[in-house]
Amino acid sequence: MSIQRFETGPRMSQVVVHGNTVYLAGVVAGKAAGGSVADQTKDILSIIDGHLAKAGTDKSKLLSANIYITDMKTFPEMNAVWDGWVSPGNTPARATVEAKLAAPQYNVEIMVVAAK
């Protein structure tokens, strides 16, 4: 079975496709870095939509999601954006964890796996 990689660098690939499964690396905000948790979450989910499209799938085929937030007090703010984005009836298995992220301007990081 072949493996496709997109946006590959020396440390990681942003998207890896193996068979009919699409794996995304953790995604952090680009233009919204340093903004509110809601703004960062919107930006991240937009980036995820683009990565999934590149791999030939979409959010209706999500299998799992891991969400990392720097402060569990922002859980409702992040969830409000997530709930407006996720495909109704197709919600993935999900975990949300409070964690220190790679740089202080990031408040949210999301990693997903999807079927093709």
N, C-alpha and C. Protein backbone atom coordinates (compact mmCIF):
# COMPACT_ATOMS: atom_id res chain seq x y z
N MET A 1 0.85 -1.18 0.00
CA MET A 1 0.00 0.00 0.00
C MET A 1 0.89 1.24 0.00
N SER A 2 0.58 2.17 -0.85
CA SER A 2 1.43 3.35 -0.99
C SER A 2 1.17 4.36 0.13
N ILE A 3 2.15 5.21 0.34
CA ILE A 3 2.06 6.30 1.32
C ILE A 3 2.31 7.60 0.57
N GLN A 4 1.41 8.56 0.73
CA GLN A 4 1.60 9.90 0.17
C GLN A 4 1.86 10.86 1.32
N ARG A 5 2.73 11.82 1.09
CA ARG A 5 3.03 12.84 2.10
C ARG A 5 2.91 14.21 1.46
N PHE A 6 2.30 15.15 2.19
CA PHE A 6 2.13 16.52 1.72
C PHE A 6 2.78 17.46 2.73
N GLU A 7 3.34 18.55 2.19
CA GLU A 7 4.02 19.54 3.04
C GLU A 7 5.03 18.85 3.95
N THR A 8 5.94 18.15 3.31
CA THR A 8 6.95 17.37 4.01
C THR A 8 8.20 18.21 4.25
N GLY A 9 8.70 18.15 5.47
CA GLY A 9 9.92 18.85 5.84
C GLY A 9 10.89 17.87 6.46
N PRO A 10 11.99 18.37 6.99
CA PRO A 10 13.00 17.48 7.56
C PRO A 10 12.55 16.83 8.87
N ARG A 11 11.56 17.42 9.54
CA ARG A 11 11.12 16.91 10.84
C ARG A 11 9.80 16.14 10.75
N MET A 12 8.91 16.58 9.86
CA MET A 12 7.58 15.99 9.81
C MET A 12 6.88 16.31 8.51
N SER A 13 5.80 15.59 8.26
CA SER A 13 4.89 15.89 7.16
C SER A 13 3.61 16.41 7.77
N GLN A 14 3.00 17.40 7.15
CA GLN A 14 1.75 17.96 7.68
C GLN A 14 0.60 16.99 7.44
N VAL A 15 0.64 16.28 6.30
CA VAL A 15 -0.42 15.33 5.94
C VAL A 15 0.23 14.04 5.44
N VAL A 16 -0.26 12.91 5.95
CA VAL A 16 0.20 11.60 5.47
C VAL A 16 -1.03 10.78 5.14
N VAL A 17 -1.04 10.20 3.94
CA VAL A 17 -2.14 9.35 3.50
C VAL A 17 -1.59 7.94 3.33
N HIS A 18 -2.22 7.00 4.03
CA HIS A 18 -1.86 5.59 3.91
C HIS A 18 -3.15 4.83 3.64
N GLY A 19 -3.23 4.24 2.47
CA GLY A 19 -4.47 3.56 2.11
C GLY A 19 -5.62 4.56 2.06
N ASN A 20 -6.65 4.28 2.81
CA ASN A 20 -7.81 5.18 2.87
C ASN A 20 -7.87 5.97 4.16
N THR A 21 -6.72 6.15 4.81
CA THR A 21 -6.68 6.91 6.06
C THR A 21 -5.76 8.11 5.89
N VAL A 22 -6.23 9.26 6.38
CA VAL A 22 -5.50 10.52 6.28
C VAL A 22 -5.13 10.97 7.69
N TYR A 23 -3.85 11.18 7.91
CA TYR A 23 -3.35 11.61 9.22
C TYR A 23 -2.83 13.03 9.09
N LEU A 24 -3.29 13.91 9.96
CA LEU A 24 -2.77 15.28 9.99
C LEU A 24 -1.90 15.47 11.21
N ALA A 25 -0.79 16.17 11.03
CA ALA A 25 0.03 16.57 12.17
C ALA A 25 -0.76 17.61 12.96
N GLY A 26 -0.30 17.92 14.16
CA GLY A 26 -0.95 18.96 14.93
C GLY A 26 -0.94 20.28 14.17
N VAL A 27 -2.08 20.96 14.16
CA VAL A 27 -2.22 22.22 13.44
C VAL A 27 -2.41 23.34 14.46
N VAL A 28 -1.62 24.39 14.31
CA VAL A 28 -1.76 25.60 15.14
C VAL A 28 -2.17 26.76 14.24
N ALA A 29 -2.60 27.83 14.87
CA ALA A 29 -3.06 28.99 14.12
C ALA A 29 -1.91 29.61 13.34
N GLY A 30 -2.24 30.11 12.15
CA GLY A 30 -1.27 30.84 11.34
C GLY A 30 -1.49 32.31 11.57
N LYS A 31 -2.44 32.88 10.85
CA LYS A 31 -2.70 34.32 10.93
C LYS A 31 -3.29 34.75 12.28
N ALA A 32 -3.91 33.82 13.02
CA ALA A 32 -4.54 34.19 14.29
C ALA A 32 -3.65 33.90 15.50
N ALA A 33 -2.41 33.49 15.26
CA ALA A 33 -1.51 33.19 16.38
C ALA A 33 -1.44 34.39 17.31
N GLY A 34 -1.61 34.14 18.59
CA GLY A 34 -1.59 35.21 19.57
C GLY A 34 -2.98 35.79 19.82
N GLY A 35 -3.97 35.40 19.01
CA GLY A 35 -5.33 35.89 19.18
C GLY A 35 -6.10 35.09 20.21
N SER A 36 -7.39 35.31 20.28
CA SER A 36 -8.25 34.59 21.22
C SER A 36 -8.30 33.11 20.87
N VAL A 37 -8.75 32.31 21.82
CA VAL A 37 -8.91 30.89 21.57
C VAL A 37 -9.92 30.67 20.44
N ALA A 38 -10.99 31.44 20.41
CA ALA A 38 -11.99 31.31 19.33
C ALA A 38 -11.36 31.63 17.98
N ASP A 39 -10.61 32.72 17.89
CA ASP A 39 -9.97 33.09 16.63
C ASP A 39 -8.96 32.04 16.19
N GLN A 40 -8.16 31.55 17.13
CA GLN A 40 -7.19 30.52 16.78
C GLN A 40 -7.88 29.24 16.33
N THR A 41 -8.95 28.85 17.02
CA THR A 41 -9.68 27.64 16.64
C THR A 41 -10.26 27.77 15.25
N LYS A 42 -10.87 28.91 14.92
CA LYS A 42 -11.42 29.14 13.57
C LYS A 42 -10.33 29.00 12.52
N ASP A 43 -9.19 29.61 12.78
CA ASP A 43 -8.07 29.56 11.84
C ASP A 43 -7.59 28.13 11.65
N ILE A 44 -7.43 27.41 12.75
CA ILE A 44 -6.96 26.02 12.70
C ILE A 44 -7.93 25.15 11.90
N LEU A 45 -9.22 25.30 12.15
CA LEU A 45 -10.20 24.48 11.46
C LEU A 45 -10.24 24.79 9.97
N SER A 46 -9.99 26.02 9.61
CA SER A 46 -9.89 26.39 8.20
C SER A 46 -8.68 25.72 7.55
N ILE A 47 -7.57 25.70 8.27
CA ILE A 47 -6.36 25.03 7.77
C ILE A 47 -6.62 23.53 7.63
N ILE A 48 -7.29 22.95 8.61
CA ILE A 48 -7.62 21.52 8.55
C ILE A 48 -8.49 21.23 7.34
N ASP A 49 -9.49 22.06 7.07
CA ASP A 49 -10.32 21.88 5.88
C ASP A 49 -9.46 21.82 4.63
N GLY A 50 -8.49 22.72 4.52
CA GLY A 50 -7.60 22.74 3.36
C GLY A 50 -6.75 21.50 3.24
N HIS A 51 -6.19 21.04 4.37
CA HIS A 51 -5.37 19.83 4.35
C HIS A 51 -6.21 18.61 3.96
N LEU A 52 -7.41 18.52 4.52
CA LEU A 52 -8.27 17.37 4.19
C LEU A 52 -8.63 17.37 2.71
N ALA A 53 -8.94 18.54 2.17
CA ALA A 53 -9.27 18.65 0.74
C ALA A 53 -8.10 18.20 -0.12
N LYS A 54 -6.90 18.62 0.27
CA LYS A 54 -5.69 18.24 -0.47
C LYS A 54 -5.53 16.72 -0.51
N ALA A 55 -5.98 16.06 0.56
CA ALA A 55 -5.85 14.61 0.65
C ALA A 55 -7.06 13.88 0.07
N GLY A 56 -8.04 14.63 -0.43
CA GLY A 56 -9.20 14.01 -1.06
C GLY A 56 -10.31 13.62 -0.11
N THR A 57 -10.45 14.34 1.02
CA THR A 57 -11.50 14.02 1.97
C THR A 57 -12.04 15.32 2.59
N ASP A 58 -12.86 15.19 3.61
CA ASP A 58 -13.41 16.37 4.28
C ASP A 58 -13.79 16.03 5.72
N LYS A 59 -14.26 17.04 6.44
CA LYS A 59 -14.55 16.88 7.87
C LYS A 59 -15.67 15.90 8.17
N SER A 60 -16.50 15.57 7.19
CA SER A 60 -17.57 14.59 7.42
C SER A 60 -17.02 13.18 7.60
N LYS A 61 -15.73 13.01 7.27
CA LYS A 61 -15.11 11.69 7.37
C LYS A 61 -14.07 11.61 8.51
N LEU A 62 -14.14 12.56 9.44
CA LEU A 62 -13.21 12.52 10.58
C LEU A 62 -13.43 11.25 11.40
N LEU A 63 -12.35 10.64 11.80
CA LEU A 63 -12.39 9.46 12.66
C LEU A 63 -12.07 9.82 14.10
N SER A 64 -11.04 10.66 14.27
CA SER A 64 -10.63 11.06 15.62
C SER A 64 -10.04 12.45 15.60
N ALA A 65 -10.06 13.08 16.77
CA ALA A 65 -9.47 14.41 16.94
C ALA A 65 -8.84 14.48 18.33
N ASN A 66 -7.65 15.04 18.38
CA ASN A 66 -6.99 15.35 19.64
C ASN A 66 -6.83 16.86 19.69
N ILE A 67 -7.35 17.47 20.73
CA ILE A 67 -7.30 18.92 20.88
C ILE A 67 -6.49 19.24 22.12
N TYR A 68 -5.53 20.13 21.94
CA TYR A 68 -4.68 20.57 23.04
C TYR A 68 -4.95 22.05 23.27
N ILE A 69 -5.29 22.42 24.50
CA ILE A 69 -5.49 23.83 24.83
C ILE A 69 -4.63 24.17 26.03
N THR A 70 -4.18 25.40 26.10
CA THR A 70 -3.24 25.78 27.16
C THR A 70 -3.94 26.08 28.49
N ASP A 71 -5.25 26.30 28.46
CA ASP A 71 -5.98 26.60 29.69
C ASP A 71 -7.38 26.01 29.58
N MET A 72 -7.70 25.06 30.43
CA MET A 72 -9.00 24.38 30.38
C MET A 72 -10.16 25.35 30.62
N LYS A 73 -9.88 26.52 31.14
CA LYS A 73 -10.94 27.53 31.31
C LYS A 73 -11.46 28.00 29.95
N THR A 74 -10.67 27.82 28.89
CA THR A 74 -11.10 28.24 27.55
C THR A 74 -11.81 27.12 26.80
N PHE A 75 -12.04 25.99 27.45
CA PHE A 75 -12.71 24.84 26.84
C PHE A 75 -14.06 25.22 26.22
N PRO A 76 -14.93 25.96 26.92
CA PRO A 76 -16.22 26.34 26.30
C PRO A 76 -16.05 27.23 25.06
N GLU A 77 -15.08 28.13 25.08
CA GLU A 77 -14.82 29.02 23.93
C GLU A 77 -14.39 28.21 22.71
N MET A 78 -13.49 27.27 22.92
CA MET A 78 -13.03 26.42 21.83
C MET A 78 -14.17 25.55 21.33
N ASN A 79 -14.95 24.97 22.26
CA ASN A 79 -16.05 24.09 21.89
C ASN A 79 -17.12 24.82 21.08
N ALA A 80 -17.38 26.08 21.37
CA ALA A 80 -18.38 26.85 20.62
C ALA A 80 -18.01 26.91 19.15
N VAL A 81 -16.72 27.11 18.86
CA VAL A 81 -16.26 27.16 17.47
C VAL A 81 -16.28 25.75 16.87
N TRP A 82 -15.77 24.77 17.60
CA TRP A 82 -15.75 23.39 17.13
C TRP A 82 -17.16 22.92 16.78
N ASP A 83 -18.12 23.17 17.68
CA ASP A 83 -19.49 22.70 17.48
C ASP A 83 -20.13 23.31 16.23
N GLY A 84 -19.74 24.53 15.88
CA GLY A 84 -20.26 25.17 14.67
C GLY A 84 -19.59 24.66 13.40
N TRP A 85 -18.47 24.00 13.54
CA TRP A 85 -17.70 23.53 12.39
C TRP A 85 -17.91 22.05 12.09
N VAL A 86 -17.92 21.23 13.12
CA VAL A 86 -17.95 19.78 12.94
C VAL A 86 -19.22 19.36 12.20
N SER A 87 -19.11 18.31 11.40
CA SER A 87 -20.23 17.83 10.59
C SER A 87 -21.27 17.12 11.47
N PRO A 88 -22.49 17.66 11.55
CA PRO A 88 -23.52 17.04 12.38
C PRO A 88 -23.75 15.58 11.98
N GLY A 89 -23.82 14.72 12.98
CA GLY A 89 -24.02 13.30 12.73
C GLY A 89 -22.76 12.55 12.36
N ASN A 90 -21.66 13.27 12.18
CA ASN A 90 -20.38 12.65 11.80
C ASN A 90 -19.26 13.04 12.76
N THR A 91 -19.60 13.25 14.02
CA THR A 91 -18.59 13.69 14.98
C THR A 91 -17.58 12.58 15.24
N PRO A 92 -16.31 12.94 15.34
CA PRO A 92 -15.25 11.95 15.54
C PRO A 92 -15.11 11.58 17.02
N ALA A 93 -14.39 10.50 17.27
CA ALA A 93 -13.91 10.24 18.63
C ALA A 93 -12.97 11.40 18.96
N ARG A 94 -13.01 11.90 20.21
CA ARG A 94 -12.25 13.12 20.49
C ARG A 94 -11.73 13.14 21.92
N ALA A 95 -10.57 13.73 22.08
CA ALA A 95 -10.00 14.00 23.40
C ALA A 95 -9.54 15.45 23.43
N THR A 96 -9.72 16.08 24.57
CA THR A 96 -9.21 17.45 24.76
C THR A 96 -8.36 17.44 26.01
N VAL A 97 -7.15 17.98 25.88
CA VAL A 97 -6.16 17.95 26.96
C VAL A 97 -5.59 19.33 27.18
N GLU A 98 -5.39 19.70 28.43
CA GLU A 98 -4.67 20.94 28.73
C GLU A 98 -3.18 20.64 28.64
N ALA A 99 -2.47 21.45 27.87
CA ALA A 99 -1.04 21.20 27.65
C ALA A 99 -0.31 22.49 27.35
N LYS A 100 0.96 22.52 27.67
CA LYS A 100 1.82 23.62 27.25
C LYS A 100 2.21 23.34 25.80
N LEU A 101 2.02 24.33 24.93
CA LEU A 101 2.31 24.13 23.51
C LEU A 101 3.71 24.64 23.16
N ALA A 102 4.10 24.45 21.92
CA ALA A 102 5.47 24.69 21.47
C ALA A 102 5.93 26.14 21.59
N ALA A 103 5.00 27.09 21.51
CA ALA A 103 5.35 28.50 21.59
C ALA A 103 4.23 29.24 22.32
N PRO A 104 4.56 30.30 23.05
CA PRO A 104 3.56 30.97 23.88
C PRO A 104 2.42 31.64 23.13
N GLN A 105 2.57 31.93 21.85
CA GLN A 105 1.48 32.57 21.10
C GLN A 105 0.38 31.59 20.71
N TYR A 106 0.63 30.29 20.90
CA TYR A 106 -0.37 29.28 20.56
C TYR A 106 -1.18 28.88 21.79
N ASN A 107 -2.52 28.95 21.65
CA ASN A 107 -3.42 28.55 22.73
C ASN A 107 -4.15 27.26 22.41
N VAL A 108 -4.13 26.85 21.15
CA VAL A 108 -4.86 25.67 20.70
C VAL A 108 -4.02 24.95 19.64
N GLU A 109 -4.05 23.62 19.69
CA GLU A 109 -3.47 22.79 18.63
C GLU A 109 -4.43 21.63 18.41
N ILE A 110 -4.71 21.31 17.16
CA ILE A 110 -5.65 20.24 16.84
C ILE A 110 -5.02 19.28 15.85
N MET A 111 -5.20 18.00 16.13
CA MET A 111 -4.67 16.92 15.29
C MET A 111 -5.83 15.99 14.95
N VAL A 112 -6.02 15.66 13.68
CA VAL A 112 -7.13 14.79 13.30
C VAL A 112 -6.68 13.65 12.41
N VAL A 113 -7.51 12.61 12.38
CA VAL A 113 -7.37 11.48 11.47
C VAL A 113 -8.72 11.36 10.77
N ALA A 114 -8.68 11.11 9.46
CA ALA A 114 -9.92 11.00 8.68
C ALA A 114 -9.82 9.84 7.70
N ALA A 115 -10.98 9.35 7.30
CA ALA A 115 -11.06 8.36 6.22
C ALA A 115 -11.11 9.14 4.91
N LYS A 116 -10.74 8.47 3.83
CA LYS A 116 -10.86 9.11 2.49
C LYS A 116 -12.27 8.95 1.99
